[in-house]
Amino acid sequence: MNEISITFDQLPVAVYQLRQEVSELKELMASISSHSTPTSINEDQPLPVKEAADFLGVAPQTIYQNIDRIPHRKRFGRLYFFKVELLEYLNAGEGVKA
């Protein structure tokens, strides 16, 4: 990493420049977050059983016990869930038997 040596006399200018750069970064991040879509890439990614259980606030065993009622996909012998479908399921009021 490049080391930049700053003298005591140069410190006020360096701090000012640093504050300007931080301010620009904040503006850029705010702009990016305001232009992003409501569903991020992570929201569209399928969740494995453990992550779906964490999302629903239940144990993985509860997922398996209620698999016939919970929206899921099965590929190569593995179960996957999508947050959007899990939220719709919860909003429908069906719930999960604990």
C-alpha atoms as a PDB file:
ATOM      1  CA  MET A   1       0.000   0.000   0.000  1.00  0.00           C
ATOM      2  CA  ASN A   2       1.258   3.492  -0.762  1.00  0.00           C
ATOM      3  CA  GLU A   3       2.296   5.475   2.264  1.00  0.00           C
ATOM      4  CA  ILE A   4       1.799   9.177   2.072  1.00  0.00           C
ATOM      5  CA  SER A   5       3.723  11.258   4.554  1.00  0.00           C
ATOM      6  CA  ILE A   6       2.063  14.463   5.583  1.00  0.00           C
ATOM      7  CA  THR A   7       3.734  17.144   7.589  1.00  0.00           C
ATOM      8  CA  PHE A   8       1.997  18.924  10.419  1.00  0.00           C
ATOM      9  CA  ASP A   9       1.682  22.047   8.273  1.00  0.00           C
ATOM     10  CA  GLN A  10      -0.042  20.053   5.495  1.00  0.00           C
ATOM     11  CA  LEU A  11      -2.517  18.415   7.860  1.00  0.00           C
ATOM     12  CA  PRO A  12      -5.374  20.962   7.533  1.00  0.00           C
ATOM     13  CA  VAL A  13      -5.361  20.694   3.732  1.00  0.00           C
ATOM     14  CA  ALA A  14      -5.188  16.885   3.866  1.00  0.00           C
ATOM     15  CA  VAL A  15      -8.121  16.723   6.301  1.00  0.00           C
ATOM     16  CA  TYR A  16     -10.135  19.086   4.096  1.00  0.00           C
ATOM     17  CA  GLN A  17      -9.458  16.933   1.021  1.00  0.00           C
ATOM     18  CA  LEU A  18     -10.353  13.797   2.922  1.00  0.00           C
ATOM     19  CA  ARG A  19     -13.652  15.320   4.071  1.00  0.00           C
ATOM     20  CA  GLN A  20     -14.440  16.305   0.481  1.00  0.00           C
ATOM     21  CA  GLU A  21     -13.779  12.780  -0.761  1.00  0.00           C
ATOM     22  CA  VAL A  22     -15.889  11.237   2.000  1.00  0.00           C
ATOM     23  CA  SER A  23     -18.697  13.638   1.161  1.00  0.00           C
ATOM     24  CA  GLU A  24     -18.508  12.662  -2.518  1.00  0.00           C
ATOM     25  CA  LEU A  25     -18.586   8.971  -1.590  1.00  0.00           C
ATOM     26  CA  LYS A  26     -21.663   9.514   0.590  1.00  0.00           C
ATOM     27  CA  GLU A  27     -23.437  11.289  -2.264  1.00  0.00           C
ATOM     28  CA  LEU A  28     -22.512   8.501  -4.665  1.00  0.00           C
ATOM     29  CA  MET A  29     -23.762   5.815  -2.279  1.00  0.00           C
ATOM     30  CA  ALA A  30     -27.015   7.698  -1.704  1.00  0.00           C
ATOM     31  CA  SER A  31     -27.485   8.036  -5.446  1.00  0.00           C
ATOM     32  CA  ILE A  32     -26.875   4.339  -6.011  1.00  0.00           C
ATOM     33  CA  SER A  33     -29.245   3.275  -3.240  1.00  0.00           C
ATOM     34  CA  SER A  34     -32.019   5.591  -4.458  1.00  0.00           C
ATOM     35  CA  HIS A  35     -31.742   4.188  -8.005  1.00  0.00           C
ATOM     36  CA  SER A  36     -31.681   0.546  -6.963  1.00  0.00           C
ATOM     37  CA  THR A  37     -34.683  -1.653  -7.555  1.00  0.00           C
ATOM     38  CA  PRO A  38     -36.777  -2.797  -4.586  1.00  0.00           C
ATOM     39  CA  THR A  39     -35.574  -6.352  -5.068  1.00  0.00           C
ATOM     40  CA  SER A  40     -31.827  -6.686  -4.941  1.00  0.00           C
ATOM     41  CA  ILE A  41     -29.864  -9.529  -6.467  1.00  0.00           C
ATOM     42  CA  ASN A  42     -29.718 -11.289  -3.100  1.00  0.00           C
ATOM     43  CA  GLU A  43     -33.492 -11.181  -2.828  1.00  0.00           C
ATOM     44  CA  ASP A  44     -33.797 -13.184  -6.049  1.00  0.00           C
ATOM     45  CA  GLN A  45     -31.323 -15.854  -4.991  1.00  0.00           C
ATOM     46  CA  PRO A  46     -32.777 -19.162  -3.846  1.00  0.00           C
ATOM     47  CA  LEU A  47     -32.361 -19.939  -0.160  1.00  0.00           C
ATOM     48  CA  PRO A  48     -31.332 -23.357   1.126  1.00  0.00           C
ATOM     49  CA  VAL A  49     -33.338 -24.892   3.983  1.00  0.00           C
ATOM     50  CA  LYS A  50     -31.241 -23.394   6.800  1.00  0.00           C
ATOM     51  CA  GLU A  51     -31.470 -19.846   5.434  1.00  0.00           C
ATOM     52  CA  ALA A  52     -35.211 -20.232   4.775  1.00  0.00           C
ATOM     53  CA  ALA A  53     -35.660 -21.441   8.344  1.00  0.00           C
ATOM     54  CA  ASP A  54     -33.688 -18.463   9.659  1.00  0.00           C
ATOM     55  CA  PHE A  55     -35.772 -16.124   7.499  1.00  0.00           C
ATOM     56  CA  LEU A  56     -39.015 -17.611   8.856  1.00  0.00           C
ATOM     57  CA  GLY A  57     -37.677 -17.777  12.404  1.00  0.00           C
ATOM     58  CA  VAL A  58     -38.135 -21.528  12.760  1.00  0.00           C
ATOM     59  CA  ALA A  59     -35.880 -24.562  13.013  1.00  0.00           C
ATOM     60  CA  PRO A  60     -34.882 -26.391   9.808  1.00  0.00           C
ATOM     61  CA  GLN A  61     -36.769 -29.423  11.137  1.00  0.00           C
ATOM     62  CA  THR A  62     -39.972 -27.339  11.101  1.00  0.00           C
ATOM     63  CA  ILE A  63     -39.415 -26.607   7.419  1.00  0.00           C
ATOM     64  CA  TYR A  64     -39.159 -30.310   6.653  1.00  0.00           C
ATOM     65  CA  GLN A  65     -42.244 -31.098   8.755  1.00  0.00           C
ATOM     66  CA  ASN A  66     -44.312 -28.531   6.840  1.00  0.00           C
ATOM     67  CA  ILE A  67     -42.752 -28.876   3.401  1.00  0.00           C
ATOM     68  CA  ASP A  68     -46.069 -29.770   1.782  1.00  0.00           C
ATOM     69  CA  ARG A  69     -47.443 -26.339   2.760  1.00  0.00           C
ATOM     70  CA  ILE A  70     -44.408 -24.112   2.169  1.00  0.00           C
ATOM     71  CA  PRO A  71     -43.668 -22.906  -1.394  1.00  0.00           C
ATOM     72  CA  HIS A  72     -40.393 -24.401  -2.551  1.00  0.00           C
ATOM     73  CA  ARG A  73     -38.436 -25.742  -5.497  1.00  0.00           C
ATOM     74  CA  LYS A  74     -36.523 -28.971  -5.638  1.00  0.00           C
ATOM     75  CA  ARG A  75     -33.451 -29.401  -7.816  1.00  0.00           C
ATOM     76  CA  PHE A  76     -30.932 -32.248  -7.700  1.00  0.00           C
ATOM     77  CA  GLY A  77     -32.518 -33.564  -4.517  1.00  0.00           C
ATOM     78  CA  ARG A  78     -32.168 -30.260  -2.664  1.00  0.00           C
ATOM     79  CA  LEU A  79     -34.870 -27.875  -1.506  1.00  0.00           C
ATOM     80  CA  TYR A  80     -34.741 -24.168  -2.316  1.00  0.00           C
ATOM     81  CA  PHE A  81     -36.951 -21.263  -1.311  1.00  0.00           C
ATOM     82  CA  PHE A  82     -37.452 -17.700  -2.535  1.00  0.00           C
ATOM     83  CA  LYS A  83     -38.007 -14.862  -0.065  1.00  0.00           C
ATOM     84  CA  VAL A  84     -40.810 -13.355  -2.151  1.00  0.00           C
ATOM     85  CA  GLU A  85     -42.737 -16.632  -2.092  1.00  0.00           C
ATOM     86  CA  LEU A  86     -42.085 -17.112   1.623  1.00  0.00           C
ATOM     87  CA  LEU A  87     -43.421 -13.620   2.337  1.00  0.00           C
ATOM     88  CA  GLU A  88     -46.528 -14.297   0.236  1.00  0.00           C
ATOM     89  CA  TYR A  89     -46.999 -17.544   2.149  1.00  0.00           C
ATOM     90  CA  LEU A  90     -46.745 -15.743   5.492  1.00  0.00           C
ATOM     91  CA  ASN A  91     -49.058 -12.942   4.369  1.00  0.00           C
ATOM     92  CA  ALA A  92     -51.639 -15.524   3.334  1.00  0.00           C
ATOM     93  CA  GLY A  93     -51.841 -16.404   7.034  1.00  0.00           C
ATOM     94  CA  GLU A  94     -51.171 -20.098   6.650  1.00  0.00           C
ATOM     95  CA  GLY A  95     -48.192 -19.974   9.005  1.00  0.00           C
ATOM     96  CA  VAL A  96     -45.890 -22.786   9.954  1.00  0.00           C
ATOM     97  CA  LYS A  97     -46.710 -25.410  12.558  1.00  0.00           C
ATOM     98  CA  ALA A  98     -44.034 -25.273  15.208  1.00  0.00           C
END
